[in-house]
Amino acid sequence: RSVVRAQGRAGAPQAPLLRITAGPAHSSDDPIDIDSESEEFTGGEMEEETEDME
């Protein structure tokens, strides 16, 4: 069970990282918007997930 929890936490931050990497690689002006939105969205989701998991 401990391993599953660790994977879940690592999965959340990893998803946004992949999106950010794909964003800038696609366009130069688009990544800025995606980065800002992704970071904000991730922060909210991560906070909620962390509370639920803990």
PDB file of N, CA and C in Angstrom:
ATOM      1  N   ARG A   1       0.849  -1.201   0.000  1.00  0.00           N
ATOM      2  CA  ARG A   1       0.000   0.000   0.000  1.00  0.00           C
ATOM      3  C   ARG A   1       0.883   1.249   0.000  1.00  0.00           C
ATOM      4  N   SER A   2       2.005   1.169   0.651  1.00  0.00           N
ATOM      5  CA  SER A   2       2.898   2.333   0.718  1.00  0.00           C
ATOM      6  C   SER A   2       3.377   2.698  -0.694  1.00  0.00           C
ATOM      7  N   VAL A   3       3.714   1.688  -1.457  1.00  0.00           N
ATOM      8  CA  VAL A   3       4.226   1.932  -2.816  1.00  0.00           C
ATOM      9  C   VAL A   3       3.146   2.609  -3.662  1.00  0.00           C
ATOM     10  N   VAL A   4       1.924   2.139  -3.532  1.00  0.00           N
ATOM     11  CA  VAL A   4       0.834   2.714  -4.339  1.00  0.00           C
ATOM     12  C   VAL A   4       0.686   4.200  -4.024  1.00  0.00           C
ATOM     13  N   ARG A   5       0.763   4.553  -2.764  1.00  0.00           N
ATOM     14  CA  ARG A   5       0.608   5.966  -2.379  1.00  0.00           C
ATOM     15  C   ARG A   5       1.733   6.803  -2.989  1.00  0.00           C
ATOM     16  N   ALA A   6       2.930   6.276  -2.927  1.00  0.00           N
ATOM     17  CA  ALA A   6       4.083   7.016  -3.464  1.00  0.00           C
ATOM     18  C   ALA A   6       3.900   7.210  -4.973  1.00  0.00           C
ATOM     19  N   GLN A   7       3.408   6.189  -5.647  1.00  0.00           N
ATOM     20  CA  GLN A   7       3.219   6.296  -7.102  1.00  0.00           C
ATOM     21  C   GLN A   7       2.161   7.351  -7.417  1.00  0.00           C
ATOM     22  N   GLY A   8       1.098   7.371  -6.653  1.00  0.00           N
ATOM     23  CA  GLY A   8       0.021   8.336  -6.902  1.00  0.00           C
ATOM     24  C   GLY A   8       0.551   9.755  -6.783  1.00  0.00           C
ATOM     25  N   ARG A   9       1.323  10.018  -5.770  1.00  0.00           N
ATOM     26  CA  ARG A   9       1.863  11.374  -5.578  1.00  0.00           C
ATOM     27  C   ARG A   9       2.804  11.735  -6.724  1.00  0.00           C
ATOM     28  N   ALA A  10       3.625  10.797  -7.128  1.00  0.00           N
ATOM     29  CA  ALA A  10       4.576  11.069  -8.212  1.00  0.00           C
ATOM     30  C   ALA A  10       3.826  11.213  -9.538  1.00  0.00           C
ATOM     31  N   GLY A  11       2.708  10.524  -9.670  1.00  0.00           N
ATOM     32  CA  GLY A  11       1.934  10.594 -10.920  1.00  0.00           C
ATOM     33  C   GLY A  11       1.350  11.984 -11.124  1.00  0.00           C
ATOM     34  N   ALA A  12       0.861  12.586 -10.084  1.00  0.00           N
ATOM     35  CA  ALA A  12       0.237  13.911 -10.214  1.00  0.00           C
ATOM     36  C   ALA A  12       1.235  14.933 -10.765  1.00  0.00           C
ATOM     37  N   PRO A  13       2.390  15.100 -10.142  1.00  0.00           N
ATOM     38  CA  PRO A  13       3.367  16.090 -10.612  1.00  0.00           C
ATOM     39  C   PRO A  13       3.951  15.715 -11.971  1.00  0.00           C
ATOM     40  N   GLN A  14       3.997  14.431 -12.265  1.00  0.00           N
ATOM     41  CA  GLN A  14       4.581  14.009 -13.546  1.00  0.00           C
ATOM     42  C   GLN A  14       3.673  14.390 -14.715  1.00  0.00           C
ATOM     43  N   ALA A  15       2.387  14.274 -14.541  1.00  0.00           N
ATOM     44  CA  ALA A  15       1.449  14.586 -15.628  1.00  0.00           C
ATOM     45  C   ALA A  15       1.657  16.023 -16.119  1.00  0.00           C
ATOM     46  N   PRO A  16       1.669  17.009 -15.239  1.00  0.00           N
ATOM     47  CA  PRO A  16       1.846  18.407 -15.647  1.00  0.00           C
ATOM     48  C   PRO A  16       3.205  18.620 -16.305  1.00  0.00           C
ATOM     49  N   LEU A  17       4.213  17.943 -15.811  1.00  0.00           N
ATOM     50  CA  LEU A  17       5.554  18.114 -16.377  1.00  0.00           C
ATOM     51  C   LEU A  17       5.548  17.696 -17.845  1.00  0.00           C
ATOM     52  N   LEU A  18       4.896  16.579 -18.138  1.00  0.00           N
ATOM     53  CA  LEU A  18       4.837  16.095 -19.520  1.00  0.00           C
ATOM     54  C   LEU A  18       4.107  17.111 -20.392  1.00  0.00           C
ATOM     55  N   ARG A  19       3.034  17.670 -19.872  1.00  0.00           N
ATOM     56  CA  ARG A  19       2.246  18.635 -20.653  1.00  0.00           C
ATOM     57  C   ARG A  19       3.085  19.881 -20.933  1.00  0.00           C
ATOM     58  N   ILE A  20       3.769  20.365 -19.930  1.00  0.00           N
ATOM     59  CA  ILE A  20       4.582  21.580 -20.102  1.00  0.00           C
ATOM     60  C   ILE A  20       5.662  21.321 -21.165  1.00  0.00           C
ATOM     61  N   THR A  21       6.249  20.132 -21.127  1.00  0.00           N
ATOM     62  CA  THR A  21       7.312  19.807 -22.087  1.00  0.00           C
ATOM     63  C   THR A  21       6.746  19.767 -23.511  1.00  0.00           C
ATOM     64  N   ALA A  22       5.551  19.223 -23.651  1.00  0.00           N
ATOM     65  CA  ALA A  22       4.939  19.114 -24.983  1.00  0.00           C
ATOM     66  C   ALA A  22       4.476  20.496 -25.446  1.00  0.00           C
ATOM     67  N   GLY A  23       4.068  21.333 -24.526  1.00  0.00           N
ATOM     68  CA  GLY A  23       3.579  22.676 -24.888  1.00  0.00           C
ATOM     69  C   GLY A  23       4.648  23.492 -25.592  1.00  0.00           C
ATOM     70  N   PRO A  24       5.761  23.773 -24.933  1.00  0.00           N
ATOM     71  CA  PRO A  24       6.817  24.601 -25.513  1.00  0.00           C
ATOM     72  C   PRO A  24       7.394  23.977 -26.784  1.00  0.00           C
ATOM     73  N   ALA A  25       7.429  22.665 -26.851  1.00  0.00           N
ATOM     74  CA  ALA A  25       7.987  21.994 -28.032  1.00  0.00           C
ATOM     75  C   ALA A  25       7.083  22.235 -29.247  1.00  0.00           C
ATOM     76  N   HIS A  26       5.797  22.427 -28.994  1.00  0.00           N
ATOM     77  CA  HIS A  26       4.854  22.636 -30.092  1.00  0.00           C
ATOM     78  C   HIS A  26       4.960  24.056 -30.653  1.00  0.00           C
ATOM     79  N   SER A  27       4.825  25.050 -29.773  1.00  0.00           N
ATOM     80  CA  SER A  27       4.863  26.450 -30.217  1.00  0.00           C
ATOM     81  C   SER A  27       5.726  27.284 -29.282  1.00  0.00           C
ATOM     82  N   SER A  28       6.009  28.512 -29.695  1.00  0.00           N
ATOM     83  CA  SER A  28       6.841  29.385 -28.855  1.00  0.00           C
ATOM     84  C   SER A  28       5.960  30.332 -28.045  1.00  0.00           C
ATOM     85  N   ASP A  29       4.838  30.737 -28.616  1.00  0.00           N
ATOM     86  CA  ASP A  29       3.938  31.665 -27.912  1.00  0.00           C
ATOM     87  C   ASP A  29       2.891  30.895 -27.109  1.00  0.00           C
ATOM     88  N   ASP A  30       2.592  29.690 -27.534  1.00  0.00           N
ATOM     89  CA  ASP A  30       1.571  28.879 -26.842  1.00  0.00           C
ATOM     90  C   ASP A  30       2.060  28.361 -25.488  1.00  0.00           C
ATOM     91  N   PRO A  31       3.312  27.976 -25.387  1.00  0.00           N
ATOM     92  CA  PRO A  31       3.835  27.387 -24.146  1.00  0.00           C
ATOM     93  C   PRO A  31       3.654  28.308 -22.947  1.00  0.00           C
ATOM     94  N   ILE A  32       3.822  29.602 -23.164  1.00  0.00           N
ATOM     95  CA  ILE A  32       3.687  30.557 -22.043  1.00  0.00           C
ATOM     96  C   ILE A  32       2.286  30.424 -21.436  1.00  0.00           C
ATOM     97  N   ASP A  33       1.276  30.415 -22.268  1.00  0.00           N
ATOM     98  CA  ASP A  33      -0.104  30.309 -21.760  1.00  0.00           C
ATOM     99  C   ASP A  33      -0.318  28.934 -21.115  1.00  0.00           C
ATOM    100  N   ILE A  34       0.135  27.896 -21.786  1.00  0.00           N
ATOM    101  CA  ILE A  34      -0.053  26.529 -21.274  1.00  0.00           C
ATOM    102  C   ILE A  34       0.671  26.386 -19.936  1.00  0.00           C
ATOM    103  N   ASP A  35       1.876  26.932 -19.855  1.00  0.00           N
ATOM    104  CA  ASP A  35       2.657  26.838 -18.616  1.00  0.00           C
ATOM    105  C   ASP A  35       1.892  27.466 -17.450  1.00  0.00           C
ATOM    106  N   SER A  36       1.374  28.648 -17.677  1.00  0.00           N
ATOM    107  CA  SER A  36       0.654  29.362 -16.604  1.00  0.00           C
ATOM    108  C   SER A  36      -0.594  28.576 -16.210  1.00  0.00           C
ATOM    109  N   GLU A  37      -1.348  28.148 -17.199  1.00  0.00           N
ATOM    110  CA  GLU A  37      -2.599  27.416 -16.906  1.00  0.00           C
ATOM    111  C   GLU A  37      -2.283  26.057 -16.270  1.00  0.00           C
ATOM    112  N   SER A  38      -1.308  25.375 -16.806  1.00  0.00           N
ATOM    113  CA  SER A  38      -0.956  24.043 -16.293  1.00  0.00           C
ATOM    114  C   SER A  38      -0.518  24.147 -14.835  1.00  0.00           C
ATOM    115  N   GLU A  39       0.332  25.109 -14.550  1.00  0.00           N
ATOM    116  CA  GLU A  39       0.838  25.252 -13.174  1.00  0.00           C
ATOM    117  C   GLU A  39      -0.306  25.545 -12.214  1.00  0.00           C
ATOM    118  N   GLU A  40      -1.188  26.437 -12.611  1.00  0.00           N
ATOM    119  CA  GLU A  40      -2.310  26.788 -11.719  1.00  0.00           C
ATOM    120  C   GLU A  40      -3.220  25.572 -11.533  1.00  0.00           C
ATOM    121  N   PHE A  41      -3.559  24.919 -12.627  1.00  0.00           N
ATOM    122  CA  PHE A  41      -4.455  23.759 -12.555  1.00  0.00           C
ATOM    123  C   PHE A  41      -3.814  22.646 -11.719  1.00  0.00           C
ATOM    124  N   THR A  42      -2.548  22.403 -11.975  1.00  0.00           N
ATOM    125  CA  THR A  42      -1.847  21.344 -11.240  1.00  0.00           C
ATOM    126  C   THR A  42      -1.832  21.663  -9.749  1.00  0.00           C
ATOM    127  N   GLY A  43      -1.512  22.898  -9.401  1.00  0.00           N
ATOM    128  CA  GLY A  43      -1.443  23.288  -7.986  1.00  0.00           C
ATOM    129  C   GLY A  43      -2.756  22.979  -7.281  1.00  0.00           C
ATOM    130  N   GLY A  44      -3.857  23.359  -7.876  1.00  0.00           N
ATOM    131  CA  GLY A  44      -5.155  23.117  -7.242  1.00  0.00           C
ATOM    132  C   GLY A  44      -5.432  21.626  -7.118  1.00  0.00           C
ATOM    133  N   GLU A  45      -5.187  20.901  -8.178  1.00  0.00           N
ATOM    134  CA  GLU A  45      -5.455  19.451  -8.143  1.00  0.00           C
ATOM    135  C   GLU A  45      -4.512  18.753  -7.157  1.00  0.00           C
ATOM    136  N   MET A  46      -3.262  19.116  -7.179  1.00  0.00           N
ATOM    137  CA  MET A  46      -2.286  18.472  -6.302  1.00  0.00           C
ATOM    138  C   MET A  46      -2.652  18.708  -4.834  1.00  0.00           C
ATOM    139  N   GLU A  47      -3.040  19.923  -4.512  1.00  0.00           N
ATOM    140  CA  GLU A  47      -3.386  20.232  -3.113  1.00  0.00           C
ATOM    141  C   GLU A  47      -4.562  19.361  -2.663  1.00  0.00           C
ATOM    142  N   GLU A  48      -5.557  19.253  -3.517  1.00  0.00           N
ATOM    143  CA  GLU A  48      -6.743  18.454  -3.150  1.00  0.00           C
ATOM    144  C   GLU A  48      -6.358  16.981  -3.022  1.00  0.00           C
ATOM    145  N   GLU A  49      -5.573  16.498  -3.953  1.00  0.00           N
ATOM    146  CA  GLU A  49      -5.183  15.078  -3.922  1.00  0.00           C
ATOM    147  C   GLU A  49      -4.342  14.783  -2.676  1.00  0.00           C
ATOM    148  N   THR A  50      -3.444  15.679  -2.360  1.00  0.00           N
ATOM    149  CA  THR A  50      -2.576  15.462  -1.191  1.00  0.00           C
ATOM    150  C   THR A  50      -3.426  15.360   0.072  1.00  0.00           C
ATOM    151  N   GLU A  51      -4.406  16.227   0.203  1.00  0.00           N
ATOM    152  CA  GLU A  51      -5.251  16.200   1.406  1.00  0.00           C
ATOM    153  C   GLU A  51      -6.014  14.874   1.481  1.00  0.00           C
ATOM    154  N   ASP A  52      -6.526  14.435   0.346  1.00  0.00           N
ATOM    155  CA  ASP A  52      -7.297  13.186   0.323  1.00  0.00           C
ATOM    156  C   ASP A  52      -6.389  12.000   0.666  1.00  0.00           C
ATOM    157  N   MET A  53      -5.217  11.974   0.071  1.00  0.00           N
ATOM    158  CA  MET A  53      -4.291  10.854   0.294  1.00  0.00           C
ATOM    159  C   MET A  53      -3.831  10.842   1.748  1.00  0.00           C
ATOM    160  N   GLU A  54      -3.467  11.994   2.250  1.00  0.00           N
ATOM    161  CA  GLU A  54      -2.961  12.060   3.634  1.00  0.00           C
ATOM    162  C   GLU A  54      -4.081  11.705   4.594  1.00  0.00           C
TER     163      GLU A  54
END
